[in-house]
Structures are given as structure tokens and as C-alpha cells.
Amino acid sequence: MSPGLRLSVIVVSHDSGTWLQRCVAALLEQGEADEVVVVDNASRDGSLETLPTDPRLLVLRNADNRGFAVACNQGAARSRGAQLLFLNPDCEPVPGALGRLLEIAAATSGLGLLGAQLLNEDGSVQAASRRRTPTPWLALSALTRSRNALEVPPPQ
């Protein structure tokens, strides 16, 4: 941790296309992101070459896809901020979002983990950001429900 660095944002990427570019641009536009660490798991789509040159941006390139958890740990190990934010490359924080997260973290003593509500582009709430405490009933319900995954390609 470096003195004066409050927030390091860690983004794990693998062939994330223009999602990564939009995410990093949104982070750098906000003054609250003191450092953005992109850990790339062997992308072949050219997405890293579209990233801006900025002293707050650190790009770590893996020769192979080491997986999400390993890449998160790599980013955390190289980050210097007092607070860490793990963000997927398809997220674009709206202006003020990072500041609000930091305010809540500062105002809540003993806080070890903070999650944010995620919204779709149309403003609707993403179901993944509204998880409940797991119970045997919820687990059984989830297992017996039909699930259809929808693959959404990144914007071009």
C-alpha cells in the first residue's frame, strides 16, 4: 500500500473487446480511481491495444488463461491502494459511484466487504447483485428451477 492511494480497481480481462475499453475509460474519468490494474488472461482480441496511456493504469499480461481467481489475486498483490474494488470488464461505473462506495466504506466501522447494486443498460437491476443469504430451501429451489443462459456479445 502506498501513502495517499485510497482506491485500486482491479479488472480481470479475457477477450473482453470494447467492454474493457469502456470500463477503463469510465474508471479513469472518475477521480476516485487512484489506480486501475487490468490483469489480462491471454486475450487475443486486441482489446489491450485500445487502452489509453495513463499513469494510473497498470496492465499485467498473462501468457495463458490462469482463471479469474488467480488473476484477481495477481491484481491484488500488485495494487497499492488502501481499498480494493474488483470490477468485471463489462461494468461501467456511473459518475459518482466510486465516491459513494468510498463514503459508505469510510462511514461503516469494521467493514470488510462491500457490494454494489448492478444495473443493466436500461436501468433495471441485475439479479446477480441482489443475492440473499443461502439457505437449504433457496438451494433446493435453485436446483429445481429451469435456467436458460443468454449470451450477450460485447458492443462493437
N, C-alpha and C. Protein backbone atom coordinates (compact mmCIF):
# COMPACT_ATOMS: atom_id res chain seq x y z
N MET A 1 0.86 -1.18 0.00
CA MET A 1 0.00 0.00 0.00
C MET A 1 0.89 1.23 0.00
N SER A 2 0.58 2.20 -0.86
CA SER A 2 1.31 3.45 -0.93
C SER A 2 0.56 4.55 -0.21
N PRO A 3 1.29 5.44 0.46
CA PRO A 3 0.61 6.56 1.12
C PRO A 3 -0.14 7.40 0.09
N GLY A 4 -1.36 7.75 0.42
CA GLY A 4 -2.13 8.62 -0.46
C GLY A 4 -3.00 7.91 -1.47
N LEU A 5 -2.76 6.62 -1.72
CA LEU A 5 -3.60 5.88 -2.66
C LEU A 5 -4.75 5.26 -1.89
N ARG A 6 -5.96 5.74 -2.19
CA ARG A 6 -7.14 5.22 -1.50
C ARG A 6 -7.70 4.00 -2.19
N LEU A 7 -7.91 4.10 -3.51
CA LEU A 7 -8.67 3.06 -4.21
C LEU A 7 -7.91 2.51 -5.41
N SER A 8 -7.73 1.20 -5.39
CA SER A 8 -7.22 0.47 -6.56
C SER A 8 -8.36 -0.35 -7.11
N VAL A 9 -8.60 -0.24 -8.40
CA VAL A 9 -9.64 -1.02 -9.07
C VAL A 9 -8.95 -2.11 -9.88
N ILE A 10 -9.37 -3.35 -9.66
CA ILE A 10 -8.78 -4.49 -10.34
C ILE A 10 -9.80 -5.05 -11.32
N VAL A 11 -9.41 -5.13 -12.59
CA VAL A 11 -10.28 -5.63 -13.65
C VAL A 11 -9.59 -6.83 -14.30
N VAL A 12 -10.25 -7.98 -14.28
CA VAL A 12 -9.72 -9.18 -14.92
C VAL A 12 -10.35 -9.28 -16.30
N SER A 13 -9.50 -9.49 -17.30
CA SER A 13 -9.99 -9.47 -18.68
C SER A 13 -9.53 -10.72 -19.43
N HIS A 14 -10.37 -11.15 -20.35
CA HIS A 14 -10.02 -12.18 -21.32
C HIS A 14 -10.91 -11.97 -22.55
N ASP A 15 -10.31 -11.49 -23.63
CA ASP A 15 -11.05 -11.22 -24.87
C ASP A 15 -12.32 -10.42 -24.59
N SER A 16 -12.17 -9.31 -23.88
CA SER A 16 -13.31 -8.51 -23.44
C SER A 16 -13.74 -7.44 -24.43
N GLY A 17 -13.03 -7.32 -25.54
CA GLY A 17 -13.44 -6.40 -26.59
C GLY A 17 -13.58 -4.96 -26.11
N THR A 18 -14.56 -4.28 -26.66
CA THR A 18 -14.76 -2.87 -26.31
C THR A 18 -15.33 -2.69 -24.91
N TRP A 19 -15.82 -3.77 -24.30
CA TRP A 19 -16.27 -3.66 -22.90
C TRP A 19 -15.12 -3.17 -22.03
N LEU A 20 -13.93 -3.74 -22.22
CA LEU A 20 -12.77 -3.37 -21.41
C LEU A 20 -12.41 -1.90 -21.62
N GLN A 21 -12.40 -1.47 -22.86
CA GLN A 21 -12.08 -0.08 -23.17
C GLN A 21 -13.06 0.87 -22.48
N ARG A 22 -14.34 0.57 -22.54
CA ARG A 22 -15.36 1.42 -21.93
C ARG A 22 -15.24 1.42 -20.40
N CYS A 23 -14.96 0.26 -19.83
CA CYS A 23 -14.81 0.15 -18.38
C CYS A 23 -13.63 0.98 -17.89
N VAL A 24 -12.47 0.81 -18.51
CA VAL A 24 -11.27 1.54 -18.09
C VAL A 24 -11.45 3.04 -18.29
N ALA A 25 -12.04 3.44 -19.39
CA ALA A 25 -12.28 4.87 -19.63
C ALA A 25 -13.17 5.46 -18.55
N ALA A 26 -14.24 4.74 -18.18
CA ALA A 26 -15.15 5.23 -17.14
C ALA A 26 -14.43 5.34 -15.80
N LEU A 27 -13.57 4.37 -15.49
CA LEU A 27 -12.82 4.40 -14.24
C LEU A 27 -11.85 5.57 -14.19
N LEU A 28 -11.12 5.78 -15.28
CA LEU A 28 -10.13 6.85 -15.30
C LEU A 28 -10.76 8.24 -15.31
N GLU A 29 -11.98 8.35 -15.81
CA GLU A 29 -12.68 9.64 -15.81
C GLU A 29 -13.08 10.06 -14.41
N GLN A 30 -13.21 9.11 -13.51
CA GLN A 30 -13.60 9.41 -12.13
C GLN A 30 -12.34 9.61 -11.30
N GLY A 31 -12.27 10.67 -10.57
CA GLY A 31 -11.09 10.96 -9.77
C GLY A 31 -10.86 10.01 -8.63
N GLU A 32 -11.87 9.24 -8.25
CA GLU A 32 -11.75 8.33 -7.11
C GLU A 32 -10.87 7.12 -7.41
N ALA A 33 -10.72 6.75 -8.66
CA ALA A 33 -9.89 5.59 -9.01
C ALA A 33 -8.44 6.06 -9.07
N ASP A 34 -7.70 5.83 -7.99
CA ASP A 34 -6.30 6.24 -7.94
C ASP A 34 -5.41 5.34 -8.78
N GLU A 35 -5.86 4.11 -8.98
CA GLU A 35 -5.09 3.13 -9.72
C GLU A 35 -6.06 2.13 -10.35
N VAL A 36 -5.82 1.79 -11.61
CA VAL A 36 -6.60 0.76 -12.29
C VAL A 36 -5.63 -0.32 -12.73
N VAL A 37 -5.84 -1.53 -12.21
CA VAL A 37 -4.97 -2.66 -12.54
C VAL A 37 -5.78 -3.62 -13.41
N VAL A 38 -5.37 -3.76 -14.67
CA VAL A 38 -6.01 -4.71 -15.58
C VAL A 38 -5.13 -5.95 -15.64
N VAL A 39 -5.70 -7.09 -15.28
CA VAL A 39 -4.99 -8.36 -15.37
C VAL A 39 -5.61 -9.11 -16.54
N ASP A 40 -4.80 -9.29 -17.57
CA ASP A 40 -5.32 -9.92 -18.78
C ASP A 40 -4.89 -11.38 -18.87
N ASN A 41 -5.86 -12.25 -19.08
CA ASN A 41 -5.64 -13.69 -19.19
C ASN A 41 -5.52 -14.10 -20.65
N ALA A 42 -4.43 -13.66 -21.29
CA ALA A 42 -4.06 -14.10 -22.65
C ALA A 42 -5.09 -13.74 -23.71
N SER A 43 -5.57 -12.51 -23.70
CA SER A 43 -6.52 -12.08 -24.73
C SER A 43 -5.86 -12.09 -26.11
N ARG A 44 -6.67 -12.40 -27.11
CA ARG A 44 -6.21 -12.40 -28.50
C ARG A 44 -7.04 -11.45 -29.36
N ASP A 45 -7.91 -10.66 -28.73
CA ASP A 45 -8.83 -9.81 -29.49
C ASP A 45 -8.33 -8.38 -29.70
N GLY A 46 -7.12 -8.07 -29.25
CA GLY A 46 -6.59 -6.73 -29.42
C GLY A 46 -7.13 -5.70 -28.45
N SER A 47 -7.89 -6.13 -27.46
CA SER A 47 -8.52 -5.18 -26.53
C SER A 47 -7.50 -4.40 -25.70
N LEU A 48 -6.36 -4.99 -25.40
CA LEU A 48 -5.36 -4.28 -24.61
C LEU A 48 -4.74 -3.13 -25.39
N GLU A 49 -4.63 -3.29 -26.69
CA GLU A 49 -4.02 -2.25 -27.51
C GLU A 49 -4.89 -1.00 -27.61
N THR A 50 -6.16 -1.10 -27.25
CA THR A 50 -7.05 0.06 -27.33
C THR A 50 -7.10 0.85 -26.03
N LEU A 51 -6.41 0.37 -25.00
CA LEU A 51 -6.44 1.06 -23.72
C LEU A 51 -5.61 2.34 -23.77
N PRO A 52 -6.03 3.36 -23.04
CA PRO A 52 -5.29 4.63 -23.06
C PRO A 52 -3.97 4.52 -22.30
N THR A 53 -3.09 5.43 -22.58
CA THR A 53 -1.85 5.56 -21.82
C THR A 53 -2.16 6.50 -20.67
N ASP A 54 -2.03 6.01 -19.46
CA ASP A 54 -2.35 6.81 -18.28
C ASP A 54 -1.48 6.31 -17.14
N PRO A 55 -0.88 7.21 -16.36
CA PRO A 55 -0.01 6.76 -15.26
C PRO A 55 -0.75 5.98 -14.18
N ARG A 56 -2.07 6.09 -14.13
CA ARG A 56 -2.86 5.35 -13.14
C ARG A 56 -3.19 3.94 -13.60
N LEU A 57 -2.88 3.61 -14.86
CA LEU A 57 -3.23 2.31 -15.43
C LEU A 57 -2.02 1.38 -15.44
N LEU A 58 -2.19 0.20 -14.86
CA LEU A 58 -1.18 -0.85 -14.88
C LEU A 58 -1.81 -2.06 -15.54
N VAL A 59 -1.15 -2.58 -16.58
CA VAL A 59 -1.65 -3.76 -17.29
C VAL A 59 -0.70 -4.92 -17.03
N LEU A 60 -1.24 -6.00 -16.49
CA LEU A 60 -0.49 -7.23 -16.27
C LEU A 60 -0.95 -8.25 -17.30
N ARG A 61 -0.03 -8.78 -18.09
CA ARG A 61 -0.37 -9.72 -19.15
C ARG A 61 0.07 -11.14 -18.78
N ASN A 62 -0.88 -12.03 -18.72
CA ASN A 62 -0.57 -13.44 -18.50
C ASN A 62 -0.41 -14.13 -19.85
N ALA A 63 0.56 -15.03 -19.94
CA ALA A 63 0.81 -15.75 -21.19
C ALA A 63 -0.28 -16.78 -21.48
N ASP A 64 -1.01 -17.17 -20.43
CA ASP A 64 -2.10 -18.12 -20.60
C ASP A 64 -3.25 -17.69 -19.70
N ASN A 65 -4.41 -18.34 -19.88
CA ASN A 65 -5.58 -18.01 -19.08
C ASN A 65 -5.46 -18.73 -17.75
N ARG A 66 -5.11 -17.99 -16.72
CA ARG A 66 -4.89 -18.58 -15.39
C ARG A 66 -6.17 -18.66 -14.57
N GLY A 67 -7.25 -18.12 -15.10
CA GLY A 67 -8.51 -18.16 -14.39
C GLY A 67 -8.78 -16.87 -13.62
N PHE A 68 -10.04 -16.68 -13.30
CA PHE A 68 -10.49 -15.44 -12.68
C PHE A 68 -9.88 -15.24 -11.28
N ALA A 69 -9.95 -16.25 -10.44
CA ALA A 69 -9.48 -16.11 -9.06
C ALA A 69 -7.98 -15.82 -9.00
N VAL A 70 -7.20 -16.53 -9.78
CA VAL A 70 -5.75 -16.31 -9.80
C VAL A 70 -5.45 -14.89 -10.28
N ALA A 71 -6.15 -14.45 -11.31
CA ALA A 71 -5.93 -13.09 -11.84
C ALA A 71 -6.34 -12.03 -10.82
N CYS A 72 -7.42 -12.27 -10.08
CA CYS A 72 -7.81 -11.33 -9.01
C CYS A 72 -6.70 -11.23 -7.98
N ASN A 73 -6.14 -12.36 -7.59
CA ASN A 73 -5.05 -12.36 -6.62
C ASN A 73 -3.81 -11.66 -7.16
N GLN A 74 -3.51 -11.84 -8.44
CA GLN A 74 -2.37 -11.15 -9.05
C GLN A 74 -2.58 -9.63 -8.98
N GLY A 75 -3.78 -9.20 -9.32
CA GLY A 75 -4.08 -7.77 -9.29
C GLY A 75 -4.00 -7.21 -7.89
N ALA A 76 -4.52 -7.96 -6.92
CA ALA A 76 -4.48 -7.50 -5.52
C ALA A 76 -3.04 -7.40 -5.03
N ALA A 77 -2.21 -8.36 -5.42
CA ALA A 77 -0.81 -8.36 -4.99
C ALA A 77 -0.04 -7.17 -5.55
N ARG A 78 -0.39 -6.73 -6.74
CA ARG A 78 0.33 -5.60 -7.37
C ARG A 78 -0.30 -4.25 -7.08
N SER A 79 -1.50 -4.22 -6.52
CA SER A 79 -2.18 -2.95 -6.26
C SER A 79 -1.57 -2.27 -5.04
N ARG A 80 -1.75 -0.96 -4.96
CA ARG A 80 -1.15 -0.18 -3.88
C ARG A 80 -2.17 0.58 -3.05
N GLY A 81 -3.45 0.48 -3.38
CA GLY A 81 -4.47 1.25 -2.68
C GLY A 81 -4.87 0.64 -1.35
N ALA A 82 -5.40 1.49 -0.48
CA ALA A 82 -5.91 1.04 0.82
C ALA A 82 -7.20 0.24 0.66
N GLN A 83 -7.98 0.56 -0.37
CA GLN A 83 -9.24 -0.13 -0.67
C GLN A 83 -9.09 -0.79 -2.04
N LEU A 84 -9.66 -1.98 -2.18
CA LEU A 84 -9.65 -2.68 -3.46
C LEU A 84 -11.07 -2.84 -3.97
N LEU A 85 -11.26 -2.56 -5.24
CA LEU A 85 -12.54 -2.80 -5.90
C LEU A 85 -12.28 -3.77 -7.05
N PHE A 86 -12.95 -4.92 -7.01
CA PHE A 86 -12.87 -5.89 -8.10
C PHE A 86 -14.05 -5.64 -9.02
N LEU A 87 -13.76 -5.38 -10.28
CA LEU A 87 -14.80 -4.99 -11.23
C LEU A 87 -14.65 -5.81 -12.51
N ASN A 88 -15.76 -6.34 -12.99
CA ASN A 88 -15.73 -7.06 -14.26
C ASN A 88 -15.62 -6.06 -15.42
N PRO A 89 -15.00 -6.47 -16.53
CA PRO A 89 -14.79 -5.54 -17.63
C PRO A 89 -16.06 -5.08 -18.33
N ASP A 90 -17.18 -5.74 -18.09
CA ASP A 90 -18.43 -5.30 -18.72
C ASP A 90 -19.20 -4.33 -17.83
N CYS A 91 -18.55 -3.82 -16.80
CA CYS A 91 -19.17 -2.82 -15.91
C CYS A 91 -18.65 -1.43 -16.24
N GLU A 92 -19.55 -0.47 -16.24
CA GLU A 92 -19.20 0.93 -16.42
C GLU A 92 -19.75 1.72 -15.25
N PRO A 93 -18.92 2.05 -14.27
CA PRO A 93 -19.44 2.80 -13.13
C PRO A 93 -19.89 4.20 -13.55
N VAL A 94 -21.08 4.56 -13.12
CA VAL A 94 -21.60 5.90 -13.43
C VAL A 94 -20.85 6.93 -12.61
N PRO A 95 -20.80 8.18 -13.06
CA PRO A 95 -20.13 9.22 -12.28
C PRO A 95 -20.66 9.28 -10.85
N GLY A 96 -19.74 9.32 -9.91
CA GLY A 96 -20.11 9.39 -8.50
C GLY A 96 -20.22 8.05 -7.81
N ALA A 97 -20.29 6.94 -8.56
CA ALA A 97 -20.48 5.62 -7.95
C ALA A 97 -19.30 5.22 -7.07
N LEU A 98 -18.09 5.45 -7.55
CA LEU A 98 -16.93 5.07 -6.75
C LEU A 98 -16.83 5.92 -5.49
N GLY A 99 -17.12 7.19 -5.62
CA GLY A 99 -17.12 8.08 -4.46
C GLY A 99 -18.13 7.64 -3.42
N ARG A 100 -19.30 7.22 -3.87
CA ARG A 100 -20.34 6.77 -2.94
C ARG A 100 -19.91 5.49 -2.21
N LEU A 101 -19.29 4.56 -2.93
CA LEU A 101 -18.78 3.35 -2.29
C LEU A 101 -17.73 3.68 -1.24
N LEU A 102 -16.84 4.63 -1.55
CA LEU A 102 -15.81 5.03 -0.58
C LEU A 102 -16.43 5.71 0.63
N GLU A 103 -17.47 6.52 0.41
CA GLU A 103 -18.16 7.17 1.54
C GLU A 103 -18.78 6.14 2.48
N ILE A 104 -19.46 5.16 1.90
CA ILE A 104 -20.09 4.12 2.71
C ILE A 104 -19.04 3.32 3.47
N ALA A 105 -17.94 2.99 2.81
CA ALA A 105 -16.87 2.23 3.46
C ALA A 105 -16.28 3.03 4.63
N ALA A 106 -16.07 4.33 4.44
CA ALA A 106 -15.50 5.16 5.49
C ALA A 106 -16.46 5.33 6.66
N ALA A 107 -17.76 5.33 6.40
CA ALA A 107 -18.75 5.57 7.43
C ALA A 107 -19.16 4.30 8.19
N THR A 108 -18.68 3.16 7.75
CA THR A 108 -19.08 1.89 8.36
C THR A 108 -17.87 1.24 9.01
N SER A 109 -17.79 1.33 10.33
CA SER A 109 -16.62 0.78 11.02
C SER A 109 -16.65 -0.75 10.97
N GLY A 110 -15.47 -1.32 10.85
CA GLY A 110 -15.34 -2.77 10.84
C GLY A 110 -15.77 -3.44 9.55
N LEU A 111 -16.02 -2.67 8.52
CA LEU A 111 -16.48 -3.22 7.25
C LEU A 111 -15.33 -3.94 6.55
N GLY A 112 -15.57 -5.17 6.15
CA GLY A 112 -14.55 -5.93 5.44
C GLY A 112 -14.86 -6.12 3.97
N LEU A 113 -16.14 -6.05 3.62
CA LEU A 113 -16.56 -6.30 2.24
C LEU A 113 -17.79 -5.47 1.96
N LEU A 114 -17.84 -4.88 0.79
CA LEU A 114 -18.97 -4.05 0.38
C LEU A 114 -19.34 -4.42 -1.04
N GLY A 115 -20.61 -4.66 -1.28
CA GLY A 115 -21.09 -4.97 -2.63
C GLY A 115 -21.95 -3.83 -3.13
N ALA A 116 -22.06 -3.70 -4.42
CA ALA A 116 -22.84 -2.64 -5.03
C ALA A 116 -23.99 -3.21 -5.84
N GLN A 117 -25.02 -2.42 -6.00
CA GLN A 117 -26.13 -2.84 -6.85
C GLN A 117 -25.72 -2.61 -8.30
N LEU A 118 -25.92 -3.62 -9.13
CA LEU A 118 -25.57 -3.54 -10.54
C LEU A 118 -26.84 -3.33 -11.36
N LEU A 119 -26.72 -2.44 -12.34
CA LEU A 119 -27.86 -2.14 -13.21
C LEU A 119 -27.53 -2.50 -14.64
N ASN A 120 -28.54 -2.95 -15.37
CA ASN A 120 -28.42 -3.16 -16.81
C ASN A 120 -28.42 -1.81 -17.50
N GLU A 121 -28.11 -1.80 -18.79
CA GLU A 121 -28.08 -0.54 -19.54
C GLU A 121 -29.42 0.19 -19.52
N ASP A 122 -30.52 -0.56 -19.40
CA ASP A 122 -31.84 0.06 -19.37
C ASP A 122 -32.24 0.55 -17.97
N GLY A 123 -31.34 0.38 -16.98
CA GLY A 123 -31.62 0.84 -15.63
C GLY A 123 -32.24 -0.21 -14.73
N SER A 124 -32.58 -1.37 -15.26
CA SER A 124 -33.15 -2.43 -14.43
C SER A 124 -32.04 -3.09 -13.60
N VAL A 125 -32.43 -3.66 -12.47
CA VAL A 125 -31.47 -4.27 -11.56
C VAL A 125 -31.03 -5.64 -12.07
N GLN A 126 -29.72 -5.88 -12.06
CA GLN A 126 -29.21 -7.21 -12.41
C GLN A 126 -29.45 -8.14 -11.24
N ALA A 127 -29.98 -9.29 -11.53
CA ALA A 127 -30.31 -10.24 -10.47
C ALA A 127 -29.08 -10.65 -9.67
N ALA A 128 -27.92 -10.71 -10.29
CA ALA A 128 -26.70 -11.13 -9.59
C ALA A 128 -26.32 -10.19 -8.45
N SER A 129 -26.77 -8.95 -8.49
CA SER A 129 -26.40 -8.00 -7.44
C SER A 129 -27.39 -8.03 -6.28
N ARG A 130 -28.37 -8.90 -6.33
CA ARG A 130 -29.37 -8.99 -5.27
C ARG A 130 -29.45 -10.41 -4.73
N ARG A 131 -28.36 -10.87 -4.20
CA ARG A 131 -28.32 -12.23 -3.64
C ARG A 131 -28.73 -12.21 -2.19
N ARG A 132 -29.32 -13.32 -1.76
CA ARG A 132 -29.74 -13.46 -0.38
C ARG A 132 -28.85 -14.47 0.33
N THR A 133 -28.96 -14.49 1.64
CA THR A 133 -28.23 -15.47 2.43
C THR A 133 -28.69 -16.86 2.02
N PRO A 134 -27.73 -17.73 1.67
CA PRO A 134 -28.13 -19.07 1.23
C PRO A 134 -28.76 -19.88 2.36
N THR A 135 -29.83 -20.56 2.02
CA THR A 135 -30.49 -21.48 2.95
C THR A 135 -30.72 -22.79 2.20
N PRO A 136 -30.97 -23.87 2.90
CA PRO A 136 -31.26 -25.13 2.19
C PRO A 136 -32.45 -24.99 1.23
N TRP A 137 -33.49 -24.25 1.62
CA TRP A 137 -34.65 -24.07 0.76
C TRP A 137 -34.29 -23.32 -0.52
N LEU A 138 -33.50 -22.24 -0.40
CA LEU A 138 -33.08 -21.49 -1.59
C LEU A 138 -32.23 -22.35 -2.50
N ALA A 139 -31.35 -23.15 -1.92
CA ALA A 139 -30.51 -24.04 -2.73
C ALA A 139 -31.34 -25.06 -3.49
N LEU A 140 -32.32 -25.66 -2.81
CA LEU A 140 -33.19 -26.64 -3.45
C LEU A 140 -34.02 -25.98 -4.55
N SER A 141 -34.53 -24.79 -4.27
CA SER A 141 -35.31 -24.06 -5.27
C SER A 141 -34.48 -23.75 -6.50
N ALA A 142 -33.24 -23.35 -6.28
CA ALA A 142 -32.35 -23.01 -7.40
C ALA A 142 -32.04 -24.25 -8.24
N LEU A 143 -31.86 -25.37 -7.60
CA LEU A 143 -31.53 -26.60 -8.33
C LEU A 143 -32.69 -27.12 -9.16
N THR A 144 -33.90 -26.89 -8.72
CA THR A 144 -35.06 -27.44 -9.42
C THR A 144 -35.64 -26.49 -10.46
N ARG A 145 -35.17 -25.28 -10.49
CA ARG A 145 -35.65 -24.30 -11.45
C ARG A 145 -34.94 -24.46 -12.79
N SER A 146 -35.65 -24.24 -13.88
CA SER A 146 -35.04 -24.27 -15.21
C SER A 146 -34.28 -22.97 -15.42
N ARG A 147 -33.07 -23.08 -15.91
CA ARG A 147 -32.25 -21.89 -16.14
C ARG A 147 -31.84 -21.85 -17.61
N ASN A 148 -32.10 -20.74 -18.25
CA ASN A 148 -31.68 -20.53 -19.62
C ASN A 148 -30.69 -19.38 -19.63
N ALA A 149 -29.48 -19.63 -20.07
CA ALA A 149 -28.45 -18.59 -20.13
C ALA A 149 -28.59 -17.83 -21.44
N LEU A 150 -28.43 -16.54 -21.35
CA LEU A 150 -28.48 -15.68 -22.53
C LEU A 150 -27.09 -15.08 -22.73
N GLU A 151 -26.46 -15.37 -23.83
CA GLU A 151 -25.13 -14.85 -24.12
C GLU A 151 -25.29 -13.52 -24.86
N VAL A 152 -24.75 -12.47 -24.28
CA VAL A 152 -24.84 -11.14 -24.88
C VAL A 152 -23.47 -10.75 -25.37
N PRO A 153 -23.30 -10.53 -26.67
CA PRO A 153 -21.98 -10.18 -27.19
C PRO A 153 -21.62 -8.75 -26.77
N PRO A 154 -20.31 -8.46 -26.64
CA PRO A 154 -19.90 -7.10 -26.28
C PRO A 154 -20.25 -6.13 -27.40
N PRO A 155 -20.42 -4.82 -27.07
CA PRO A 155 -20.74 -3.83 -28.10
C PRO A 155 -19.58 -3.65 -29.05
N GLN A 156 -19.87 -3.30 -30.26
CA GLN A 156 -18.80 -3.10 -31.26
C GLN A 156 -18.55 -1.64 -31.51
